Amino acid sequence: MTRFECVPNFSEGRDAAKIERIVAAGRGVPGVAVLDVERNADHNRAVVSLAGEGDALLEGVFRMIRVATEEIDLTQHRGEHPRMGATDVVPFVPLGSATMAEAVRLAERLGERVARELSIPVFLYASAARIPERADLARVRAGQFEGLRESIVSDPARAPDFGEARIHPTAGAVAIGARPVLIAFNAYLTTPDVSIAKKIAKAVRARDGGLPEVKALGFDIAERHRAQVSMNLTDYRITPIHRALEAVRREAQRYGVGIEESEIVGLVPEDALLDASEYYLQLHTFERASVLERKVREVDTAPTVESLASFTARIAARTPTPGGGSASAATGAMAAALGEMVLSYSIDPVHPDPELVALRSALADGRGKLLDLVEKDSQSYEAVRGTRRTRKAHPGPTEEAAYVQALQRAAEVPLSTAQLAVGLARSLDAVRGRTKAALESDLTTALALFRAAAQGALANVEINLIDLRAAQVPTASLESEVARVRAGA
């Protein structure tokens, strides 16, 4: 099951009834779970966290956007937080084995539908951006609702990715994208002086030479008579919560103020909180497996999560599936995981190498795809067996076509495994000189596993090519691709 989180931000944080009507539209879709609703009156903004499989989640979010378009009039909206739309920003976040590429596709599908059915211009941002500058949400939202109303018409560079170059009169425009997990983290200062908060935000945010993967703004929170440094940590593995907090604290001390309180808006990964705990408690040898709730979850999920012992027992059994193709994909997934670990230790958290960061993301993406190919390989071969039996019992053109289609699929699945393994191995080997020497054995193991995965998968492709030739199906293009991938391996 491929699941995603979606975190739409709506420009309404004061009218609880309006927010509930918006959220109810998503809650009413089967397969969509509303995980969290956060609203802030000063920002006049609500942040909703939902989770679900792709199609159901897309439908739920679209219904929420439709209600928000009816409920929110930006011409009457005032709040501290920058905004350009009634539904201001909609990011999709891949979870588990889901990939960033799949999240991007969801963003594109939603964007096309919003523009077509609601007449709201859509800008694709973050990993979904088609224009490099739009990877940065701040650039997309420059000028906010009022400024965009003019520039979208007069400036070709502000043309949306979907929809006409004019904003919706009351709902504005929306940024829809895909990104990794983001932590919204705020620090309240012991002063109402917003100019200090703005100076601190400038000092800590990445675009002004501060902490990598940190976006920050200074706000006046009148309700609390306090200034706030509001941060988005776009990769908590690069800049964790505690490092961001300590940077704000150091800057605040320069102006004779402190931090009164901090807050997390929306959901947060468990590991991010454990990172902060280890830092402040100085737990240098702490094993996270010893967390009580994690142990309980392991027991609770044991019946539904297949162990390595169980998987290898299934391979060992006298059954056709899972076989070499599944084993090759699983081997590739282990190689990708090892590569991720090597890069996680090799990336400098203070000055991260962008290429290493991107490769780690690609390896995580590839690991999810390879895990998916483990079962797809078994399913594709079972389809061959089934259509072969049907073809033998009831020969005919329809049955023959189904058999050939199954054979082609059975060749394409392991070919995908081999292509992934070779491509990731080549990229990992290219950065070998920039990884930590202490992890050389892990890197060597990862590359060896990638080679084994590619060779095993290609052997499975060639077995199916024999049957395709026997069925008089042209195989030249498949053979050419096998030769190309084999040369790369």
Protein backbone atom coordinates (compact mmCIF):
# COMPACT_ATOMS: atom_id res chain seq x y z
CA MET A 1 0.00 0.00 0.00
CA THR A 2 1.48 3.33 -1.17
CA ARG A 3 0.55 6.17 1.18
CA PHE A 4 1.17 9.89 1.21
CA GLU A 5 0.74 12.75 3.62
CA CYS A 6 -0.77 15.99 2.34
CA VAL A 7 -0.57 19.24 4.32
CA PRO A 8 -2.83 21.89 2.77
CA ASN A 9 -2.58 25.39 4.29
CA PHE A 10 -5.75 27.50 4.25
CA SER A 11 -5.95 31.27 4.77
CA GLU A 12 -8.38 31.08 7.66
CA GLY A 13 -7.38 30.76 11.30
CA ARG A 14 -10.13 32.58 13.17
CA ASP A 15 -13.49 31.16 12.13
CA ALA A 16 -13.64 27.65 13.59
CA ALA A 17 -16.91 26.84 11.78
CA LYS A 18 -15.39 27.65 8.38
CA ILE A 19 -12.33 25.54 9.11
CA GLU A 20 -14.50 22.61 10.17
CA ARG A 21 -16.52 22.80 6.95
CA ILE A 22 -13.29 22.70 4.93
CA VAL A 23 -11.86 19.78 6.92
CA ALA A 24 -15.15 17.85 6.81
CA ALA A 25 -15.00 17.80 3.02
CA GLY A 26 -11.77 15.80 3.16
CA ARG A 27 -12.79 13.70 6.13
CA GLY A 28 -15.81 12.44 4.20
CA VAL A 29 -13.72 10.63 1.56
CA PRO A 30 -13.20 6.89 2.26
CA GLY A 31 -9.53 6.05 2.74
CA VAL A 32 -8.54 9.56 3.87
CA ALA A 33 -7.52 10.12 7.50
CA VAL A 34 -7.39 13.61 9.00
CA LEU A 35 -4.35 13.44 11.27
CA ASP A 36 -4.18 16.98 12.64
CA VAL A 37 -5.71 20.45 12.37
CA GLU A 38 -3.76 23.50 13.58
CA ARG A 39 -5.10 27.05 13.40
CA ASN A 40 -3.55 30.36 14.39
CA ALA A 41 -5.56 33.56 14.73
CA ASP A 42 -2.62 35.96 14.38
CA HIS A 43 -1.38 34.23 11.24
CA ASN A 44 -5.03 33.76 10.19
CA ARG A 45 -4.08 30.38 8.82
CA ALA A 46 -5.01 26.72 9.29
CA VAL A 47 -2.71 23.79 8.58
CA VAL A 48 -4.34 20.41 8.04
CA SER A 49 -2.48 17.09 7.90
CA LEU A 50 -4.08 14.20 6.03
CA ALA A 51 -2.92 10.76 4.97
CA GLY A 52 -4.14 8.22 2.46
CA GLU A 53 -3.46 6.41 -0.78
CA GLY A 54 -2.95 8.52 -3.87
CA ASP A 55 -6.34 8.65 -5.60
CA ALA A 56 -8.38 8.90 -2.40
CA LEU A 57 -6.10 11.57 -0.96
CA LEU A 58 -6.22 13.59 -4.17
CA GLU A 59 -10.02 13.50 -4.12
CA GLY A 60 -10.19 14.50 -0.45
CA VAL A 61 -7.84 17.44 -0.90
CA PHE A 62 -9.66 18.63 -4.01
CA ARG A 63 -12.96 18.68 -2.12
CA MET A 64 -11.34 20.72 0.66
CA ILE A 65 -9.97 23.23 -1.86
CA ARG A 66 -13.42 23.55 -3.42
CA VAL A 67 -15.01 24.34 -0.05
CA ALA A 68 -12.18 26.76 0.86
CA THR A 69 -12.80 28.57 -2.43
CA GLU A 70 -16.44 29.06 -1.43
CA GLU A 71 -15.71 30.00 2.19
CA ILE A 72 -12.65 32.29 2.05
CA ASP A 73 -12.53 35.74 0.46
CA LEU A 74 -8.93 36.95 0.25
CA THR A 75 -10.02 40.50 -0.46
CA GLN A 76 -11.18 40.57 3.19
CA HIS A 77 -8.30 38.51 4.61
CA ARG A 78 -5.70 39.98 6.97
CA GLY A 79 -3.04 38.05 8.84
CA GLU A 80 0.65 37.90 9.71
CA HIS A 81 1.50 34.97 7.42
CA PRO A 82 2.26 35.57 3.72
CA ARG A 83 -0.46 34.18 1.43
CA MET A 84 -1.56 34.27 -2.18
CA GLY A 85 -4.55 31.94 -2.06
CA ALA A 86 -7.57 30.88 -0.03
CA THR A 87 -5.91 27.50 -0.29
CA ASP A 88 -2.38 28.82 -0.17
CA VAL A 89 -0.09 25.81 -0.47
CA VAL A 90 -0.65 22.07 -0.91
CA PRO A 91 2.40 19.79 -0.54
CA PHE A 92 2.32 16.00 -1.02
CA VAL A 93 4.80 14.04 1.11
CA PRO A 94 5.71 10.42 0.23
CA LEU A 95 5.50 7.96 3.13
CA GLY A 96 7.00 4.47 3.47
CA SER A 97 7.70 2.95 0.06
CA ALA A 98 6.02 5.84 -1.80
CA THR A 99 8.40 7.81 -4.01
CA MET A 100 8.93 11.49 -4.63
CA ALA A 101 8.19 10.92 -8.33
CA GLU A 102 4.76 9.55 -7.38
CA ALA A 103 4.15 12.54 -5.11
CA VAL A 104 5.06 14.89 -7.98
CA ARG A 105 2.54 13.13 -10.22
CA LEU A 106 -0.18 13.62 -7.60
CA ALA A 107 0.68 17.32 -7.42
CA GLU A 108 0.44 17.62 -11.21
CA ARG A 109 -2.90 15.80 -11.35
CA LEU A 110 -4.37 17.93 -8.58
CA GLY A 111 -3.02 21.12 -10.14
CA GLU A 112 -4.58 20.36 -13.50
CA ARG A 113 -7.95 19.60 -11.90
CA VAL A 114 -7.97 22.69 -9.66
CA ALA A 115 -7.24 24.96 -12.63
CA ARG A 116 -9.80 23.24 -14.86
CA GLU A 117 -12.70 22.86 -12.43
CA LEU A 118 -12.21 25.80 -10.04
CA SER A 119 -10.57 28.36 -12.36
CA ILE A 120 -7.73 28.90 -9.88
CA PRO A 121 -4.21 29.33 -11.34
CA VAL A 122 -1.75 26.77 -10.03
CA PHE A 123 2.00 27.08 -9.51
CA LEU A 124 4.00 23.86 -9.11
CA TYR A 125 6.70 24.21 -6.44
CA ALA A 126 9.40 22.28 -4.50
CA SER A 127 10.18 18.90 -6.11
CA ALA A 128 7.27 19.36 -8.54
CA ALA A 129 8.60 22.69 -9.87
CA ARG A 130 8.96 22.84 -13.65
CA ILE A 131 10.83 26.16 -13.42
CA PRO A 132 13.93 26.00 -11.15
CA GLU A 133 13.12 29.28 -9.37
CA ARG A 134 9.77 27.87 -8.25
CA ALA A 135 11.42 25.23 -6.10
CA ASP A 136 11.47 28.05 -3.50
CA LEU A 137 7.95 28.72 -2.23
CA ALA A 138 8.87 32.26 -1.17
CA ARG A 139 9.59 33.16 -4.81
CA VAL A 140 6.31 31.66 -5.96
CA ARG A 141 4.38 33.65 -3.36
CA ALA A 142 6.30 36.93 -3.89
CA GLY A 143 3.95 39.90 -3.80
CA GLN A 144 1.23 37.82 -2.16
CA PHE A 145 -2.40 37.98 -3.32
CA GLU A 146 -2.42 41.72 -3.96
CA GLY A 147 0.87 41.82 -5.89
CA LEU A 148 0.20 38.66 -7.88
CA ARG A 149 -3.13 40.07 -9.05
CA GLU A 150 -1.17 42.52 -11.24
CA SER A 151 2.06 40.64 -12.02
CA ILE A 152 0.42 37.40 -13.20
CA VAL A 153 -1.17 39.39 -16.05
CA SER A 154 1.76 41.66 -16.97
CA ASP A 155 4.85 39.49 -16.32
CA PRO A 156 5.29 36.33 -18.47
CA ALA A 157 7.65 34.94 -15.81
CA ARG A 158 4.71 34.81 -13.39
CA ALA A 159 2.51 32.72 -15.68
CA PRO A 160 1.04 29.72 -13.81
CA ASP A 161 1.79 26.09 -14.64
CA PHE A 162 -1.93 25.34 -14.93
CA GLY A 163 -4.79 27.71 -15.68
CA GLU A 164 -5.10 31.18 -17.14
CA ALA A 165 -2.76 34.04 -16.27
CA ARG A 166 -5.25 35.74 -13.96
CA ILE A 167 -6.05 35.05 -10.34
CA HIS A 168 -9.39 33.93 -9.00
CA PRO A 169 -11.08 37.14 -7.76
CA THR A 170 -11.55 35.90 -4.18
CA ALA A 171 -9.52 32.66 -3.93
CA GLY A 172 -6.31 33.95 -5.55
CA ALA A 173 -3.82 31.30 -6.65
CA VAL A 174 -2.41 28.13 -5.12
CA ALA A 175 1.03 26.49 -4.94
CA ILE A 176 0.87 22.70 -5.24
CA GLY A 177 3.98 20.57 -4.92
CA ALA A 178 5.84 17.63 -3.49
CA ARG A 179 8.48 17.65 -0.78
CA PRO A 180 10.04 15.57 2.01
CA VAL A 181 8.78 15.84 5.58
CA LEU A 182 8.89 19.45 6.79
CA ILE A 183 8.85 20.59 10.42
CA ALA A 184 7.12 23.89 11.18
CA PHE A 185 8.88 25.16 14.29
CA ASN A 186 8.34 28.50 16.04
CA ALA A 187 10.22 30.26 18.83
CA TYR A 188 8.54 32.98 20.92
CA LEU A 189 10.92 35.65 22.17
CA THR A 190 10.78 37.42 25.53
CA THR A 191 9.99 40.68 23.73
CA PRO A 192 7.18 42.11 21.57
CA ASP A 193 9.77 43.83 19.35
CA VAL A 194 9.16 42.25 15.94
CA SER A 195 12.23 43.97 14.46
CA ILE A 196 14.41 41.72 16.64
CA ALA A 197 12.54 38.63 15.45
CA LYS A 198 13.08 39.68 11.84
CA LYS A 199 16.81 40.21 12.41
CA ILE A 200 17.11 36.78 14.03
CA ALA A 201 15.14 35.15 11.19
CA LYS A 202 17.48 36.70 8.64
CA ALA A 203 20.52 35.43 10.57
CA VAL A 204 19.32 31.81 10.80
CA ARG A 205 17.68 31.22 7.41
CA ALA A 206 19.57 29.51 4.61
CA ARG A 207 19.00 32.06 1.86
CA ASP A 208 20.83 34.74 3.88
CA GLY A 209 23.77 32.54 4.83
CA GLY A 210 22.31 30.91 7.91
CA LEU A 211 21.47 27.29 8.58
CA PRO A 212 20.99 24.96 5.60
CA GLU A 213 17.43 23.77 4.92
CA VAL A 214 15.94 26.48 7.17
CA LYS A 215 13.39 29.10 6.13
CA ALA A 216 12.53 31.75 8.69
CA LEU A 217 10.44 34.90 9.14
CA GLY A 218 9.81 37.23 12.06
CA PHE A 219 6.20 37.89 13.11
CA ASP A 220 4.33 40.06 15.60
CA ILE A 221 1.98 37.81 17.59
CA ALA A 222 -0.29 40.47 19.05
CA GLU A 223 -2.47 37.95 20.87
CA ARG A 224 0.49 36.99 23.06
CA HIS A 225 2.28 40.37 23.02
CA ARG A 226 5.34 38.54 21.77
CA ALA A 227 7.57 38.49 18.70
CA GLN A 228 7.95 35.12 17.00
CA VAL A 229 10.66 33.56 14.86
CA SER A 230 8.73 31.20 12.60
CA MET A 231 10.80 28.50 10.89
CA ASN A 232 10.32 25.74 8.36
CA LEU A 233 12.95 23.00 8.66
CA THR A 234 12.84 21.49 5.18
CA ASP A 235 15.22 18.64 6.03
CA TYR A 236 15.54 17.94 9.74
CA ARG A 237 18.36 15.48 9.06
CA ILE A 238 20.49 18.39 7.82
CA THR A 239 19.42 20.98 10.39
CA PRO A 240 17.63 19.34 13.32
CA ILE A 241 15.26 21.10 15.69
CA HIS A 242 17.79 21.57 18.47
CA ARG A 243 20.35 23.19 16.19
CA ALA A 244 17.76 25.65 14.88
CA LEU A 245 16.63 26.47 18.43
CA GLU A 246 20.17 27.05 19.67
CA ALA A 247 20.92 29.31 16.70
CA VAL A 248 17.87 31.44 17.52
CA ARG A 249 18.89 31.50 21.18
CA ARG A 250 22.43 32.72 20.36
CA GLU A 251 21.12 35.46 18.06
CA ALA A 252 18.51 36.53 20.62
CA GLN A 253 21.19 36.97 23.28
CA ARG A 254 22.86 39.60 21.08
CA TYR A 255 19.78 41.76 21.55
CA GLY A 256 19.39 41.06 25.26
CA VAL A 257 16.35 38.80 24.88
CA GLY A 258 15.68 35.09 25.31
CA ILE A 259 13.31 32.37 24.18
CA GLU A 260 10.15 32.15 26.25
CA GLU A 261 8.65 29.12 24.54
CA SER A 262 8.83 27.11 21.33
CA GLU A 263 6.15 25.20 19.45
CA ILE A 264 5.74 22.66 16.67
CA VAL A 265 2.91 23.31 14.23
CA GLY A 266 1.39 20.19 12.75
CA LEU A 267 2.98 16.76 12.84
CA VAL A 268 6.60 15.90 13.46
CA PRO A 269 8.68 12.76 12.81
CA GLU A 270 9.44 10.76 15.95
CA ASP A 271 13.14 10.66 15.08
CA ALA A 272 13.30 14.47 15.05
CA LEU A 273 12.17 14.58 18.68
CA LEU A 274 14.56 11.79 19.63
CA ASP A 275 17.38 13.76 17.97
CA ALA A 276 16.60 16.70 20.27
CA SER A 277 16.34 14.43 23.32
CA GLU A 278 19.71 12.85 22.64
CA TYR A 279 21.27 16.29 22.21
CA TYR A 280 19.93 17.91 25.36
CA LEU A 281 20.25 14.81 27.55
CA GLN A 282 23.72 14.07 26.12
CA LEU A 283 22.74 10.47 25.35
CA HIS A 284 25.82 9.61 23.33
CA THR A 285 25.23 5.84 23.31
CA PHE A 286 21.44 5.75 23.31
CA GLU A 287 19.77 3.01 21.27
CA ARG A 288 16.38 4.04 19.92
CA ALA A 289 15.25 0.45 19.80
CA SER A 290 15.03 0.66 23.59
CA VAL A 291 12.12 3.14 23.43
CA LEU A 292 9.16 1.34 25.01
CA GLU A 293 6.58 2.40 22.43
CA ARG A 294 8.84 1.26 19.58
CA LYS A 295 9.14 -2.18 21.14
CA VAL A 296 5.37 -2.35 21.53
CA ARG A 297 4.86 -1.34 17.88
CA GLU A 298 7.20 -4.09 16.76
CA VAL A 299 5.08 -6.63 18.59
CA ASP A 300 1.82 -5.11 17.32
CA THR A 301 2.91 -5.10 13.68
CA ALA A 302 4.75 -8.44 13.67
CA PRO A 303 1.83 -10.44 12.16
CA THR A 304 1.49 -8.03 9.21
CA VAL A 305 5.13 -7.27 8.41
CA GLU A 306 7.09 -10.07 6.79
CA SER A 307 10.46 -10.74 8.37
CA LEU A 308 13.61 -11.49 6.43
CA ALA A 309 13.46 -15.04 7.78
CA SER A 310 9.93 -15.49 6.43
CA PHE A 311 10.82 -14.02 3.04
CA THR A 312 13.85 -16.24 2.59
CA ALA A 313 11.78 -19.25 3.69
CA ARG A 314 9.29 -18.47 0.94
CA ILE A 315 12.14 -18.30 -1.58
CA ALA A 316 13.49 -21.63 -0.30
CA ALA A 317 10.12 -23.40 -0.62
CA ARG A 318 9.38 -25.66 -3.59
CA THR A 319 7.21 -23.02 -5.27
CA PRO A 320 7.88 -20.98 -8.43
CA THR A 321 7.46 -17.64 -6.66
CA PRO A 322 9.10 -15.72 -5.16
CA GLY A 323 12.14 -16.56 -7.25
CA GLY A 324 15.26 -15.01 -8.65
CA GLY A 325 13.56 -11.83 -9.84
CA SER A 326 12.11 -11.08 -6.41
CA ALA A 327 15.40 -11.94 -4.72
CA SER A 328 17.24 -9.60 -7.10
CA ALA A 329 14.89 -6.71 -6.30
CA ALA A 330 15.24 -7.34 -2.55
CA THR A 331 19.03 -7.41 -2.93
CA GLY A 332 18.88 -4.07 -4.75
CA ALA A 333 16.77 -2.59 -1.95
CA MET A 334 19.38 -3.66 0.62
CA ALA A 335 22.11 -2.10 -1.53
CA ALA A 336 20.19 1.19 -1.69
CA ALA A 337 19.66 1.16 2.08
CA LEU A 338 23.38 0.67 2.69
CA GLY A 339 24.14 3.51 0.29
CA GLU A 340 21.74 5.78 2.19
CA MET A 341 23.47 4.95 5.45
CA VAL A 342 26.92 5.68 4.00
CA LEU A 343 25.77 9.07 2.71
CA SER A 344 23.94 9.98 5.92
CA TYR A 345 27.23 9.65 7.81
CA SER A 346 29.25 11.33 5.04
CA ILE A 347 27.12 14.47 4.56
CA ASP A 348 28.42 17.41 6.58
CA PRO A 349 25.37 18.72 8.51
CA VAL A 350 26.78 22.26 8.58
CA HIS A 351 27.85 22.46 4.91
CA PRO A 352 25.97 19.65 3.15
CA ASP A 353 27.16 18.65 -0.32
CA PRO A 354 24.09 19.17 -2.56
CA GLU A 355 25.05 16.23 -4.79
CA LEU A 356 25.32 13.85 -1.84
CA VAL A 357 22.01 15.08 -0.43
CA ALA A 358 20.31 14.57 -3.82
CA LEU A 359 21.84 11.10 -4.20
CA ARG A 360 20.66 10.06 -0.74
CA SER A 361 17.16 11.08 -1.77
CA ALA A 362 17.49 9.13 -5.04
CA LEU A 363 18.63 6.04 -3.13
CA ALA A 364 15.64 6.30 -0.79
CA ASP A 365 13.40 6.68 -3.82
CA GLY A 366 15.03 3.67 -5.49
CA ARG A 367 14.76 1.57 -2.35
CA GLY A 368 10.99 2.09 -2.32
CA LYS A 369 10.70 1.16 -5.99
CA LEU A 370 12.85 -1.96 -5.56
CA LEU A 371 10.77 -3.13 -2.60
CA ASP A 372 7.68 -2.70 -4.77
CA LEU A 373 9.34 -4.76 -7.52
CA VAL A 374 9.84 -7.68 -5.11
CA GLU A 375 6.12 -8.52 -5.17
CA LYS A 376 5.54 -7.27 -8.71
CA ASP A 377 8.04 -9.85 -9.98
CA SER A 378 6.15 -12.68 -8.28
CA GLN A 379 2.82 -11.33 -9.54
CA SER A 380 4.07 -11.01 -13.11
CA TYR A 381 5.31 -14.60 -13.23
CA GLU A 382 2.10 -15.91 -11.68
CA ALA A 383 0.26 -14.10 -14.47
CA VAL A 384 2.40 -15.95 -17.03
CA ARG A 385 1.57 -19.28 -15.42
CA GLY A 386 -2.13 -18.48 -15.32
CA THR A 387 -2.40 -17.29 -18.93
CA ARG A 388 -0.31 -20.25 -20.10
CA ARG A 389 -2.78 -22.68 -18.51
CA THR A 390 -5.75 -20.81 -19.98
CA ARG A 391 -4.11 -20.74 -23.42
CA LYS A 392 -3.54 -24.47 -23.29
CA ALA A 393 -7.08 -25.29 -22.16
CA HIS A 394 -8.86 -22.82 -24.45
CA PRO A 395 -6.61 -21.87 -27.37
CA GLY A 396 -7.63 -18.72 -29.23
CA PRO A 397 -6.42 -15.23 -30.22
CA THR A 398 -7.66 -13.57 -27.02
CA GLU A 399 -5.91 -16.13 -24.82
CA GLU A 400 -2.74 -15.88 -26.93
CA ALA A 401 -2.70 -12.09 -26.61
CA ALA A 402 -3.14 -12.30 -22.82
CA TYR A 403 -0.25 -14.78 -22.59
CA VAL A 404 2.07 -12.57 -24.68
CA GLN A 405 1.14 -9.51 -22.61
CA ALA A 406 1.95 -11.41 -19.40
CA LEU A 407 5.29 -12.54 -20.85
CA GLN A 408 6.20 -8.98 -21.77
CA ARG A 409 5.33 -7.79 -18.28
CA ALA A 410 7.41 -10.61 -16.78
CA ALA A 411 10.39 -9.37 -18.79
CA GLU A 412 9.83 -5.68 -18.07
CA VAL A 413 9.67 -6.03 -14.27
CA PRO A 414 13.16 -7.54 -13.77
CA LEU A 415 14.48 -5.19 -16.43
CA SER A 416 13.28 -2.29 -14.26
CA THR A 417 15.14 -3.85 -11.32
CA ALA A 418 18.35 -4.08 -13.35
CA GLN A 419 18.02 -0.51 -14.66
CA LEU A 420 17.53 0.86 -11.16
CA ALA A 421 20.40 -1.16 -9.69
CA VAL A 422 22.86 -0.13 -12.40
CA GLY A 423 21.89 3.53 -12.34
CA LEU A 424 22.09 3.84 -8.55
CA ALA A 425 25.35 1.90 -8.41
CA ARG A 426 26.93 4.19 -11.00
CA SER A 427 25.89 7.30 -9.07
CA LEU A 428 27.08 5.89 -5.75
CA ASP A 429 30.43 4.81 -7.18
CA ALA A 430 30.94 8.31 -8.65
CA VAL A 431 30.94 9.92 -5.18
CA ARG A 432 33.13 7.28 -3.56
CA GLY A 433 35.93 9.75 -2.93
CA ARG A 434 33.60 12.01 -0.94
CA THR A 435 32.34 9.37 1.49
CA LYS A 436 33.90 8.62 4.85
CA ALA A 437 36.83 6.22 4.69
CA ALA A 438 35.55 4.36 7.77
CA LEU A 439 32.51 3.30 5.73
CA GLU A 440 34.47 1.87 2.79
CA SER A 441 33.40 -1.70 3.57
CA ASP A 442 29.73 -0.69 3.66
CA LEU A 443 30.07 1.14 0.34
CA THR A 444 31.84 -1.86 -1.22
CA THR A 445 29.05 -4.13 0.01
CA ALA A 446 26.38 -1.84 -1.41
CA LEU A 447 28.04 -1.79 -4.83
CA ALA A 448 28.48 -5.57 -4.80
CA LEU A 449 24.81 -6.05 -3.94
CA PHE A 450 23.78 -3.70 -6.73
CA ARG A 451 25.87 -5.78 -9.19
CA ALA A 452 24.28 -9.00 -7.96
CA ALA A 453 20.80 -7.47 -8.23
CA ALA A 454 21.44 -6.34 -11.81
CA GLN A 455 22.95 -9.63 -12.95
CA GLY A 456 20.20 -11.72 -11.37
CA ALA A 457 17.45 -9.51 -12.78
CA LEU A 458 18.94 -9.59 -16.29
CA ALA A 459 19.08 -13.39 -16.15
CA ASN A 460 15.34 -13.35 -15.44
CA VAL A 461 14.72 -11.03 -18.38
CA GLU A 462 16.57 -13.39 -20.73
CA ILE A 463 14.53 -16.41 -19.60
CA ASN A 464 11.37 -14.55 -20.59
CA LEU A 465 12.93 -13.46 -23.89
CA ILE A 466 13.21 -17.13 -24.85
CA ASP A 467 9.46 -17.59 -24.40
CA LEU A 468 8.71 -14.34 -26.24
CA ARG A 469 10.77 -15.49 -29.22
CA ALA A 470 8.96 -18.82 -29.17
CA ALA A 471 5.68 -16.90 -29.33
CA GLN A 472 7.09 -15.05 -32.37
CA VAL A 473 7.11 -11.69 -30.61
CA PRO A 474 9.75 -9.15 -31.78
CA THR A 475 12.34 -8.78 -29.01
CA ALA A 476 15.01 -6.60 -30.62
CA SER A 477 14.31 -3.52 -28.46
CA LEU A 478 14.32 -5.56 -25.24
CA GLU A 479 17.54 -7.34 -26.25
CA SER A 480 19.17 -4.00 -27.04
CA GLU A 481 18.22 -2.60 -23.63
CA VAL A 482 19.48 -5.74 -21.87
CA ALA A 483 22.83 -5.36 -23.65
CA ARG A 484 23.03 -1.70 -22.68
CA VAL A 485 22.25 -2.36 -19.01
CA ARG A 486 24.62 -5.34 -18.89
CA ALA A 487 27.44 -3.18 -20.22
CA GLY A 488 26.73 -0.67 -17.46
CA ALA A 489 26.78 -3.38 -14.81
